[in-house]
């Protein structure tokens, strides 16, 4: 089974993300991007990939030792960009801004809990973002889309507590991936 750990978005942040994706989609007049299904949008904390079925129980138990009692990160949409860059984009993303440092603590706790099970934390710096879309192979987004991404860089909304961390199973099928919640943890919601 294909697993990952993610912070889920509350209804308000999800609506704001949906509005931003709609703006970007409208600017994609060349239809060069496969846009995500916003209803499944999440902030990936650690991708685990294909794991044996029995490993899910051990993973959930390890996360149970670190997640309860952690403070919920206060997050908001903030800007956007592309990986690797806007000149040759492969992924269009929306940025997240955090008030405080709870997100770093949650990310670190997940990594430390899973490392002994064989999933070491990513060596790259954690760059919180929401994937908005993936550029089709060989496609070059037009100026209108690049301009819309650049225009979003200066925007930010009010931060809200994001209280759910979920161990997800990803089902890859034709069309967008389907996500199944295997286990959910509620973080402390107030500052």
N, C-alpha and C. Protein backbone atom coordinates (compact mmCIF):
# COMPACT_ATOMS: atom_id res chain seq x y z
N UNK A 1 0.83 -1.18 0.00
CA UNK A 1 0.00 0.00 0.00
C UNK A 1 0.88 1.24 0.00
N UNK A 2 0.37 2.31 -0.59
CA UNK A 2 1.11 3.56 -0.74
C UNK A 2 0.63 4.53 0.34
N UNK A 3 1.55 4.95 1.23
CA UNK A 3 1.17 5.75 2.39
C UNK A 3 1.90 7.09 2.44
N UNK A 4 1.25 8.05 3.12
CA UNK A 4 1.89 9.32 3.45
C UNK A 4 1.21 9.90 4.67
N UNK A 5 1.89 10.81 5.35
CA UNK A 5 1.37 11.51 6.52
C UNK A 5 1.18 12.97 6.11
N UNK A 6 0.01 13.52 6.46
CA UNK A 6 -0.28 14.89 6.01
C UNK A 6 -1.08 15.65 7.05
N UNK A 7 -0.96 16.96 6.97
CA UNK A 7 -1.83 17.87 7.71
C UNK A 7 -2.99 18.21 6.79
N UNK A 8 -4.21 18.03 7.30
CA UNK A 8 -5.40 18.34 6.48
C UNK A 8 -5.79 19.79 6.67
N UNK A 9 -6.44 20.34 5.67
CA UNK A 9 -6.87 21.73 5.70
C UNK A 9 -8.28 21.83 6.26
N UNK A 10 -8.50 22.85 7.09
CA UNK A 10 -9.87 23.07 7.57
C UNK A 10 -10.72 23.62 6.42
N UNK A 11 -12.03 23.73 6.63
CA UNK A 11 -12.95 24.12 5.56
C UNK A 11 -12.64 25.52 5.02
N UNK A 12 -12.25 26.44 5.89
CA UNK A 12 -11.97 27.81 5.44
C UNK A 12 -10.73 27.84 4.55
N UNK A 13 -9.65 27.22 4.99
CA UNK A 13 -8.42 27.21 4.19
C UNK A 13 -8.64 26.44 2.89
N UNK A 14 -9.44 25.39 2.94
CA UNK A 14 -9.74 24.62 1.73
C UNK A 14 -10.51 25.47 0.72
N UNK A 15 -11.47 26.28 1.18
CA UNK A 15 -12.21 27.18 0.27
C UNK A 15 -11.28 28.23 -0.34
N UNK A 16 -10.38 28.78 0.48
CA UNK A 16 -9.43 29.77 -0.04
C UNK A 16 -8.51 29.13 -1.08
N UNK A 17 -8.06 27.91 -0.82
CA UNK A 17 -7.21 27.21 -1.78
C UNK A 17 -7.97 26.92 -3.07
N UNK A 18 -9.24 26.53 -2.95
CA UNK A 18 -10.06 26.25 -4.14
C UNK A 18 -10.22 27.51 -4.99
N UNK A 19 -10.43 28.65 -4.34
CA UNK A 19 -10.56 29.91 -5.08
C UNK A 19 -9.26 30.25 -5.80
N UNK A 20 -8.13 30.02 -5.13
CA UNK A 20 -6.83 30.32 -5.76
C UNK A 20 -6.58 29.39 -6.93
N UNK A 21 -6.89 28.11 -6.78
CA UNK A 21 -6.70 27.16 -7.90
C UNK A 21 -7.59 27.56 -9.07
N UNK A 22 -8.82 27.99 -8.79
CA UNK A 22 -9.73 28.42 -9.86
C UNK A 22 -9.14 29.61 -10.62
N UNK A 23 -8.52 30.55 -9.91
CA UNK A 23 -7.88 31.69 -10.57
C UNK A 23 -6.74 31.23 -11.48
N UNK A 24 -5.94 30.32 -10.96
CA UNK A 24 -4.82 29.82 -11.76
C UNK A 24 -5.32 29.02 -12.96
N UNK A 25 -6.34 28.21 -12.75
CA UNK A 25 -6.91 27.41 -13.85
C UNK A 25 -7.44 28.33 -14.95
N UNK A 26 -8.12 29.41 -14.55
CA UNK A 26 -8.64 30.36 -15.53
C UNK A 26 -7.53 31.01 -16.34
N UNK A 27 -6.37 31.20 -15.71
CA UNK A 27 -5.23 31.82 -16.40
C UNK A 27 -4.50 30.83 -17.30
N UNK A 28 -4.77 29.56 -17.15
CA UNK A 28 -4.12 28.51 -17.94
C UNK A 28 -4.87 28.33 -19.25
N UNK A 29 -4.84 29.35 -20.09
CA UNK A 29 -5.61 29.34 -21.34
C UNK A 29 -5.09 28.29 -22.32
N UNK A 30 -3.82 27.90 -22.20
CA UNK A 30 -3.26 26.87 -23.08
C UNK A 30 -3.57 25.45 -22.58
N UNK A 31 -4.14 25.33 -21.39
CA UNK A 31 -4.47 24.03 -20.78
C UNK A 31 -3.23 23.13 -20.67
N UNK A 32 -2.19 23.69 -20.09
CA UNK A 32 -0.92 22.98 -19.96
C UNK A 32 -0.77 22.27 -18.62
N UNK A 33 -1.71 22.47 -17.70
CA UNK A 33 -1.58 21.95 -16.34
C UNK A 33 -2.72 21.00 -16.02
N UNK A 34 -2.39 19.91 -15.32
CA UNK A 34 -3.40 19.01 -14.74
C UNK A 34 -3.62 19.53 -13.32
N UNK A 35 -4.76 20.13 -13.08
CA UNK A 35 -5.05 20.75 -11.78
C UNK A 35 -5.52 19.71 -10.80
N UNK A 36 -5.16 19.89 -9.52
CA UNK A 36 -5.52 18.91 -8.50
C UNK A 36 -7.00 19.00 -8.16
N UNK A 37 -7.52 17.92 -7.60
CA UNK A 37 -8.86 17.91 -7.03
C UNK A 37 -8.71 18.55 -5.66
N UNK A 38 -9.22 19.74 -5.50
CA UNK A 38 -9.00 20.52 -4.29
C UNK A 38 -9.59 19.84 -3.06
N UNK A 39 -10.61 19.03 -3.23
CA UNK A 39 -11.22 18.38 -2.06
C UNK A 39 -10.24 17.46 -1.34
N UNK A 40 -9.22 16.98 -2.04
CA UNK A 40 -8.22 16.12 -1.41
C UNK A 40 -6.92 16.83 -1.08
N UNK A 41 -6.91 18.15 -1.17
CA UNK A 41 -5.69 18.91 -0.95
C UNK A 41 -5.23 18.78 0.50
N UNK A 42 -3.92 18.65 0.69
CA UNK A 42 -3.33 18.45 2.00
C UNK A 42 -1.89 18.94 1.97
N UNK A 43 -1.31 19.09 3.15
CA UNK A 43 0.09 19.43 3.28
C UNK A 43 0.84 18.16 3.68
N UNK A 44 1.63 17.62 2.77
CA UNK A 44 2.37 16.39 3.05
C UNK A 44 3.47 16.67 4.07
N UNK A 45 3.47 15.89 5.14
CA UNK A 45 4.51 15.99 6.17
C UNK A 45 5.62 14.97 5.91
N UNK A 46 5.23 13.76 5.47
CA UNK A 46 6.22 12.76 5.08
C UNK A 46 5.57 11.75 4.15
N UNK A 47 6.21 11.56 3.01
CA UNK A 47 5.77 10.57 2.04
C UNK A 47 6.49 9.27 2.36
N UNK A 48 5.75 8.16 2.45
CA UNK A 48 6.35 6.88 2.80
C UNK A 48 6.46 5.95 1.60
N UNK A 49 5.63 6.15 0.59
CA UNK A 49 5.68 5.30 -0.59
C UNK A 49 5.02 3.96 -0.36
N UNK A 50 5.42 2.99 -1.16
CA UNK A 50 4.85 1.63 -1.05
C UNK A 50 5.40 0.95 0.19
N UNK A 51 4.50 0.46 1.03
CA UNK A 51 4.90 -0.23 2.25
C UNK A 51 4.08 -1.52 2.37
N UNK A 52 4.62 -2.53 3.05
CA UNK A 52 3.83 -3.74 3.28
C UNK A 52 2.59 -3.42 4.12
N UNK A 53 1.52 -4.14 3.90
CA UNK A 53 0.27 -3.89 4.61
C UNK A 53 0.45 -3.87 6.12
N UNK A 54 1.24 -4.80 6.66
CA UNK A 54 1.40 -4.89 8.11
C UNK A 54 2.17 -3.70 8.68
N UNK A 55 2.89 -2.96 7.86
CA UNK A 55 3.66 -1.80 8.35
C UNK A 55 2.75 -0.66 8.78
N UNK A 56 1.56 -0.57 8.24
CA UNK A 56 0.65 0.54 8.58
C UNK A 56 0.36 0.58 10.08
N UNK A 57 0.22 -0.56 10.71
CA UNK A 57 -0.05 -0.62 12.15
C UNK A 57 1.14 -0.08 12.94
N UNK A 58 2.35 -0.46 12.55
CA UNK A 58 3.55 0.03 13.24
C UNK A 58 3.72 1.53 13.03
N UNK A 59 3.42 2.00 11.84
CA UNK A 59 3.53 3.43 11.55
C UNK A 59 2.54 4.22 12.41
N UNK A 60 1.29 3.76 12.46
CA UNK A 60 0.28 4.45 13.27
C UNK A 60 0.67 4.44 14.74
N UNK A 61 1.21 3.33 15.23
CA UNK A 61 1.62 3.26 16.64
C UNK A 61 2.76 4.24 16.93
N UNK A 62 3.71 4.35 16.01
CA UNK A 62 4.82 5.29 16.20
C UNK A 62 4.31 6.73 16.23
N UNK A 63 3.39 7.06 15.34
CA UNK A 63 2.85 8.42 15.31
C UNK A 63 2.02 8.71 16.56
N UNK A 64 1.36 7.68 17.08
CA UNK A 64 0.56 7.84 18.30
C UNK A 64 1.43 8.26 19.49
N UNK A 65 2.69 7.92 19.47
CA UNK A 65 3.58 8.28 20.58
C UNK A 65 4.00 9.74 20.55
N UNK A 66 3.86 10.42 19.39
CA UNK A 66 4.37 11.79 19.30
C UNK A 66 3.32 12.85 18.98
N UNK A 67 2.23 12.49 18.31
CA UNK A 67 1.29 13.53 17.84
C UNK A 67 0.31 14.05 18.89
N UNK A 68 -0.29 13.19 19.72
CA UNK A 68 -1.24 13.73 20.70
C UNK A 68 -0.56 14.76 21.60
N UNK A 69 -1.24 15.86 21.80
CA UNK A 69 -0.71 16.91 22.66
C UNK A 69 0.10 17.98 21.94
N UNK A 70 0.49 17.74 20.70
CA UNK A 70 1.21 18.77 19.96
C UNK A 70 0.27 19.92 19.59
N UNK A 71 0.83 21.10 19.50
CA UNK A 71 0.06 22.29 19.15
C UNK A 71 -0.25 22.29 17.65
N UNK A 72 -1.47 22.70 17.30
CA UNK A 72 -1.86 22.80 15.90
C UNK A 72 -1.18 24.02 15.26
N UNK A 73 -0.62 23.85 14.08
CA UNK A 73 -0.02 25.00 13.40
C UNK A 73 -1.09 26.00 12.95
N UNK A 74 -0.76 27.28 13.06
CA UNK A 74 -1.63 28.36 12.59
C UNK A 74 -1.15 28.71 11.18
N UNK A 75 -1.93 28.33 10.16
CA UNK A 75 -1.46 28.48 8.78
C UNK A 75 -2.44 29.27 7.93
N UNK A 76 -1.88 29.87 6.88
CA UNK A 76 -2.66 30.61 5.90
C UNK A 76 -2.00 30.47 4.54
N UNK A 77 -2.79 30.64 3.48
CA UNK A 77 -2.22 30.69 2.14
C UNK A 77 -1.34 31.92 2.04
N UNK A 78 -0.24 31.79 1.32
CA UNK A 78 0.66 32.92 1.15
C UNK A 78 1.49 32.71 -0.11
N UNK A 79 1.16 33.42 -1.15
CA UNK A 79 1.96 33.38 -2.35
C UNK A 79 1.88 32.07 -3.10
N UNK A 80 2.89 31.86 -3.92
CA UNK A 80 2.94 30.65 -4.73
C UNK A 80 4.18 30.65 -5.59
N UNK A 81 4.33 29.59 -6.35
CA UNK A 81 5.49 29.47 -7.20
C UNK A 81 5.42 28.19 -8.01
N UNK A 82 6.60 27.74 -8.44
CA UNK A 82 6.69 26.54 -9.25
C UNK A 82 7.98 25.81 -8.92
N UNK A 83 7.93 24.50 -9.00
CA UNK A 83 9.14 23.68 -8.87
C UNK A 83 9.50 23.18 -10.26
N UNK A 84 10.72 23.20 -10.71
CA UNK A 84 11.85 23.74 -9.99
C UNK A 84 11.88 25.27 -9.99
N UNK A 85 11.25 25.91 -11.01
CA UNK A 85 11.18 27.37 -11.05
C UNK A 85 10.12 27.77 -12.09
N UNK A 86 9.84 29.06 -12.18
CA UNK A 86 8.82 29.53 -13.11
C UNK A 86 9.27 29.52 -14.57
N UNK A 87 10.57 29.45 -14.84
CA UNK A 87 11.05 29.38 -16.22
C UNK A 87 10.78 28.01 -16.83
N UNK A 88 10.87 26.97 -16.00
CA UNK A 88 10.65 25.59 -16.47
C UNK A 88 9.81 24.85 -15.43
N UNK A 89 8.59 25.26 -15.23
CA UNK A 89 7.78 24.68 -14.15
C UNK A 89 7.35 23.24 -14.44
N UNK A 90 7.38 22.42 -13.39
CA UNK A 90 6.84 21.07 -13.44
C UNK A 90 5.63 20.96 -12.51
N UNK A 91 5.71 21.68 -11.39
CA UNK A 91 4.63 21.70 -10.39
C UNK A 91 4.32 23.15 -10.06
N UNK A 92 3.03 23.48 -10.09
CA UNK A 92 2.57 24.80 -9.64
C UNK A 92 2.08 24.62 -8.21
N UNK A 93 2.56 25.47 -7.30
CA UNK A 93 2.21 25.32 -5.90
C UNK A 93 1.74 26.63 -5.28
N UNK A 94 1.03 26.48 -4.16
CA UNK A 94 0.60 27.62 -3.35
C UNK A 94 1.38 27.55 -2.04
N UNK A 95 1.88 28.68 -1.62
CA UNK A 95 2.65 28.72 -0.39
C UNK A 95 1.77 28.75 0.84
N UNK A 96 2.37 28.40 1.96
CA UNK A 96 1.71 28.48 3.25
C UNK A 96 2.57 29.32 4.18
N UNK A 97 1.92 30.16 4.96
CA UNK A 97 2.59 30.97 5.97
C UNK A 97 2.12 30.48 7.32
N UNK A 98 3.06 30.35 8.23
CA UNK A 98 2.70 29.92 9.58
C UNK A 98 2.99 31.03 10.57
N UNK A 99 2.07 31.20 11.52
CA UNK A 99 2.32 32.05 12.68
C UNK A 99 2.81 31.14 13.78
N UNK A 100 4.02 31.34 14.23
CA UNK A 100 4.59 30.47 15.25
C UNK A 100 5.48 29.42 14.64
N UNK A 101 5.72 28.34 15.41
CA UNK A 101 6.63 27.29 14.94
C UNK A 101 6.05 25.89 15.17
N UNK A 102 4.75 25.78 15.34
CA UNK A 102 4.14 24.48 15.60
C UNK A 102 4.28 23.53 14.41
N UNK A 103 4.23 24.05 13.19
CA UNK A 103 4.35 23.19 12.01
C UNK A 103 5.72 22.51 11.97
N UNK A 104 6.76 23.26 12.28
CA UNK A 104 8.10 22.68 12.32
C UNK A 104 8.16 21.57 13.36
N UNK A 105 7.53 21.79 14.52
CA UNK A 105 7.52 20.79 15.58
C UNK A 105 6.77 19.52 15.15
N UNK A 106 5.64 19.69 14.48
CA UNK A 106 4.86 18.54 14.00
C UNK A 106 5.66 17.78 12.94
N UNK A 107 6.24 18.51 12.00
CA UNK A 107 7.04 17.88 10.95
C UNK A 107 8.21 17.11 11.55
N UNK A 108 8.91 17.72 12.50
CA UNK A 108 10.05 17.07 13.14
C UNK A 108 9.60 15.82 13.91
N UNK A 109 8.49 15.92 14.64
CA UNK A 109 7.99 14.78 15.42
C UNK A 109 7.64 13.60 14.52
N UNK A 110 7.01 13.87 13.39
CA UNK A 110 6.68 12.80 12.44
C UNK A 110 7.96 12.14 11.94
N UNK A 111 8.93 12.94 11.54
CA UNK A 111 10.19 12.39 11.05
C UNK A 111 10.91 11.56 12.09
N UNK A 112 10.97 12.05 13.33
CA UNK A 112 11.66 11.34 14.39
C UNK A 112 10.94 10.04 14.76
N UNK A 113 9.61 10.03 14.69
CA UNK A 113 8.85 8.82 15.02
C UNK A 113 9.04 7.74 13.96
N UNK A 114 9.16 8.14 12.70
CA UNK A 114 9.22 7.16 11.61
C UNK A 114 10.63 6.72 11.25
N UNK A 115 11.64 7.49 11.65
CA UNK A 115 13.02 7.13 11.32
C UNK A 115 13.42 5.74 11.82
N UNK A 116 13.09 5.37 13.07
CA UNK A 116 13.47 4.03 13.53
C UNK A 116 12.79 2.89 12.77
N UNK A 117 11.69 3.22 12.07
CA UNK A 117 10.98 2.20 11.29
C UNK A 117 11.51 2.08 9.86
N UNK A 118 12.50 2.92 9.52
CA UNK A 118 13.10 2.82 8.19
C UNK A 118 12.73 3.94 7.24
N UNK A 119 12.07 4.99 7.74
CA UNK A 119 11.73 6.15 6.90
C UNK A 119 12.39 7.39 7.47
N UNK A 120 13.65 7.60 7.12
CA UNK A 120 14.34 8.77 7.66
C UNK A 120 13.73 10.06 7.11
N UNK A 121 13.84 11.14 7.87
CA UNK A 121 13.31 12.42 7.38
C UNK A 121 14.03 12.83 6.09
N UNK A 122 13.32 13.57 5.26
CA UNK A 122 13.89 14.10 4.03
C UNK A 122 15.06 15.02 4.38
N UNK A 123 16.14 14.92 3.66
CA UNK A 123 17.31 15.75 3.93
C UNK A 123 17.14 17.19 3.43
N UNK A 124 16.22 17.37 2.47
CA UNK A 124 15.98 18.72 1.95
C UNK A 124 15.22 19.54 3.00
N UNK A 125 15.41 20.83 3.01
CA UNK A 125 14.65 21.66 3.96
C UNK A 125 13.14 21.54 3.70
N UNK A 126 12.37 21.52 4.76
CA UNK A 126 10.92 21.43 4.66
C UNK A 126 10.39 22.74 4.08
N UNK A 127 9.68 22.65 2.96
CA UNK A 127 9.11 23.81 2.30
C UNK A 127 7.60 23.60 2.21
N UNK A 128 6.86 24.06 3.23
CA UNK A 128 5.41 23.82 3.24
C UNK A 128 4.74 24.45 2.02
N UNK A 129 3.99 23.62 1.31
CA UNK A 129 3.29 24.10 0.11
C UNK A 129 2.12 23.17 -0.19
N UNK A 130 1.21 23.65 -0.99
CA UNK A 130 0.09 22.86 -1.48
C UNK A 130 0.24 22.74 -2.98
N UNK A 131 0.27 21.54 -3.49
CA UNK A 131 0.37 21.34 -4.94
C UNK A 131 -0.96 21.75 -5.57
N UNK A 132 -0.89 22.71 -6.50
CA UNK A 132 -2.09 23.17 -7.21
C UNK A 132 -2.27 22.41 -8.52
N UNK A 133 -1.15 22.09 -9.18
CA UNK A 133 -1.24 21.38 -10.45
C UNK A 133 0.12 20.92 -10.93
N UNK A 134 0.09 20.01 -11.89
CA UNK A 134 1.31 19.49 -12.49
C UNK A 134 1.30 19.79 -13.98
N UNK A 135 2.39 20.35 -14.46
CA UNK A 135 2.50 20.71 -15.87
C UNK A 135 2.60 19.43 -16.69
N UNK A 136 1.81 19.38 -17.75
CA UNK A 136 1.82 18.19 -18.63
C UNK A 136 3.20 18.02 -19.27
N UNK A 137 3.60 16.79 -19.48
CA UNK A 137 4.90 16.50 -20.08
C UNK A 137 5.07 17.26 -21.39
N UNK A 138 6.19 17.96 -21.49
CA UNK A 138 6.51 18.69 -22.71
C UNK A 138 5.78 20.01 -22.88
N UNK A 139 4.88 20.35 -21.98
CA UNK A 139 4.10 21.60 -22.12
C UNK A 139 4.85 22.77 -21.51
N UNK A 140 4.56 23.94 -22.02
CA UNK A 140 5.12 25.20 -21.50
C UNK A 140 3.96 26.12 -21.14
N UNK A 141 3.74 26.38 -19.85
CA UNK A 141 2.66 27.29 -19.47
C UNK A 141 2.82 28.66 -20.12
N UNK A 142 1.68 29.27 -20.44
CA UNK A 142 1.69 30.57 -21.08
C UNK A 142 1.94 31.71 -20.11
N UNK A 143 2.09 32.89 -20.68
CA UNK A 143 2.39 34.08 -19.88
C UNK A 143 1.29 34.43 -18.90
N UNK A 144 0.04 34.17 -19.28
CA UNK A 144 -1.07 34.51 -18.38
C UNK A 144 -0.98 33.69 -17.09
N UNK A 145 -0.67 32.40 -17.20
CA UNK A 145 -0.56 31.56 -16.02
C UNK A 145 0.66 31.97 -15.19
N UNK A 146 1.79 32.17 -15.83
CA UNK A 146 2.99 32.59 -15.09
C UNK A 146 2.72 33.91 -14.38
N UNK A 147 2.02 34.82 -15.05
CA UNK A 147 1.67 36.10 -14.42
C UNK A 147 0.75 35.91 -13.22
N UNK A 148 -0.20 34.97 -13.31
CA UNK A 148 -1.11 34.72 -12.20
C UNK A 148 -0.36 34.13 -11.00
N UNK A 149 0.59 33.25 -11.26
CA UNK A 149 1.40 32.70 -10.17
C UNK A 149 2.23 33.80 -9.53
N UNK A 150 2.85 34.64 -10.35
CA UNK A 150 3.66 35.73 -9.81
C UNK A 150 2.80 36.72 -9.03
N UNK A 151 1.59 36.99 -9.49
CA UNK A 151 0.69 37.92 -8.80
C UNK A 151 0.28 37.39 -7.44
N UNK A 152 0.19 36.09 -7.30
CA UNK A 152 -0.22 35.49 -6.02
C UNK A 152 0.88 35.57 -4.97
N UNK A 153 2.10 35.87 -5.37
CA UNK A 153 3.23 35.89 -4.43
C UNK A 153 3.02 36.90 -3.29
N UNK A 154 2.35 37.98 -3.55
CA UNK A 154 2.18 39.00 -2.52
C UNK A 154 0.93 38.83 -1.69
N UNK A 155 0.13 37.81 -1.94
CA UNK A 155 -1.13 37.67 -1.23
C UNK A 155 -0.98 36.77 -0.01
N UNK A 156 -1.75 37.09 1.02
CA UNK A 156 -1.77 36.27 2.23
C UNK A 156 -3.11 36.45 2.91
N UNK A 157 -3.58 35.41 3.56
CA UNK A 157 -4.85 35.44 4.28
C UNK A 157 -4.58 35.31 5.78
N UNK A 158 -5.63 35.35 6.56
CA UNK A 158 -5.50 35.19 8.01
C UNK A 158 -5.18 33.74 8.35
N UNK A 159 -4.29 33.56 9.32
CA UNK A 159 -3.89 32.21 9.74
C UNK A 159 -4.96 31.59 10.64
N UNK A 160 -5.12 30.29 10.48
CA UNK A 160 -6.11 29.52 11.25
C UNK A 160 -5.47 28.23 11.73
N UNK A 161 -5.92 27.69 12.87
CA UNK A 161 -5.35 26.42 13.33
C UNK A 161 -5.76 25.27 12.41
N UNK A 162 -4.79 24.48 12.03
CA UNK A 162 -5.02 23.29 11.21
C UNK A 162 -4.78 22.10 12.13
N UNK A 163 -5.86 21.49 12.58
CA UNK A 163 -5.79 20.59 13.74
C UNK A 163 -5.67 19.11 13.42
N UNK A 164 -5.78 18.70 12.16
CA UNK A 164 -5.76 17.27 11.85
C UNK A 164 -4.47 16.83 11.16
N UNK A 165 -3.91 15.74 11.68
CA UNK A 165 -2.82 15.04 10.99
C UNK A 165 -3.35 13.65 10.68
N UNK A 166 -3.14 13.20 9.45
CA UNK A 166 -3.74 11.95 9.00
C UNK A 166 -2.68 11.05 8.36
N UNK A 167 -2.78 9.77 8.67
CA UNK A 167 -2.04 8.75 7.92
C UNK A 167 -2.96 8.32 6.79
N UNK A 168 -2.54 8.62 5.56
CA UNK A 168 -3.34 8.35 4.37
C UNK A 168 -2.80 7.17 3.58
N UNK A 169 -3.72 6.47 2.97
CA UNK A 169 -3.38 5.51 1.92
C UNK A 169 -3.82 6.15 0.61
N UNK A 170 -2.93 6.13 -0.36
CA UNK A 170 -3.21 6.70 -1.67
C UNK A 170 -3.53 5.58 -2.65
N UNK A 171 -4.70 5.69 -3.28
CA UNK A 171 -5.10 4.73 -4.31
C UNK A 171 -4.90 5.41 -5.67
N UNK A 172 -3.98 4.89 -6.45
CA UNK A 172 -3.71 5.46 -7.76
C UNK A 172 -4.61 4.77 -8.77
N UNK A 173 -5.47 5.54 -9.37
CA UNK A 173 -6.42 5.04 -10.37
C UNK A 173 -6.40 6.00 -11.54
N UNK A 174 -7.18 5.70 -12.57
CA UNK A 174 -7.30 6.65 -13.67
C UNK A 174 -7.89 7.94 -13.11
N UNK A 175 -7.30 9.05 -13.49
CA UNK A 175 -7.75 10.34 -12.96
C UNK A 175 -7.02 10.65 -11.67
N UNK A 176 -7.58 11.54 -10.85
CA UNK A 176 -6.89 11.95 -9.61
C UNK A 176 -6.80 10.78 -8.62
N UNK A 177 -5.74 10.80 -7.81
CA UNK A 177 -5.58 9.78 -6.77
C UNK A 177 -6.73 9.90 -5.78
N UNK A 178 -7.10 8.77 -5.19
CA UNK A 178 -8.12 8.75 -4.14
C UNK A 178 -7.39 8.49 -2.83
N UNK A 179 -7.74 9.27 -1.79
CA UNK A 179 -7.07 9.17 -0.50
C UNK A 179 -8.00 8.55 0.53
N UNK A 180 -7.48 7.55 1.23
CA UNK A 180 -8.23 6.87 2.28
C UNK A 180 -7.56 7.16 3.63
N UNK A 181 -8.36 7.65 4.58
CA UNK A 181 -7.83 7.91 5.92
C UNK A 181 -7.69 6.59 6.67
N UNK A 182 -6.46 6.31 7.12
CA UNK A 182 -6.24 5.12 7.93
C UNK A 182 -6.28 5.46 9.42
N UNK A 183 -5.80 6.64 9.77
CA UNK A 183 -5.79 7.07 11.17
C UNK A 183 -5.70 8.60 11.20
N UNK A 184 -6.43 9.21 12.13
CA UNK A 184 -6.44 10.67 12.27
C UNK A 184 -6.08 11.04 13.70
N UNK A 185 -5.25 12.07 13.84
CA UNK A 185 -4.90 12.63 15.15
C UNK A 185 -5.33 14.08 15.18
N UNK A 186 -5.92 14.49 16.29
CA UNK A 186 -6.31 15.88 16.49
C UNK A 186 -5.24 16.58 17.32
N UNK A 187 -4.74 17.68 16.81
CA UNK A 187 -3.76 18.48 17.52
C UNK A 187 -4.48 19.52 18.38
N UNK A 188 -3.76 20.12 19.30
CA UNK A 188 -4.34 21.15 20.17
C UNK A 188 -4.64 22.38 19.31
N UNK A 189 -5.92 22.85 19.32
CA UNK A 189 -6.36 23.85 18.36
C UNK A 189 -6.09 25.29 18.68
N UNK A 190 -5.87 25.67 19.90
CA UNK A 190 -5.68 27.09 20.19
C UNK A 190 -4.20 27.38 20.40
N UNK A 191 -3.89 28.67 20.34
CA UNK A 191 -2.48 29.06 20.51
C UNK A 191 -2.06 28.80 21.89
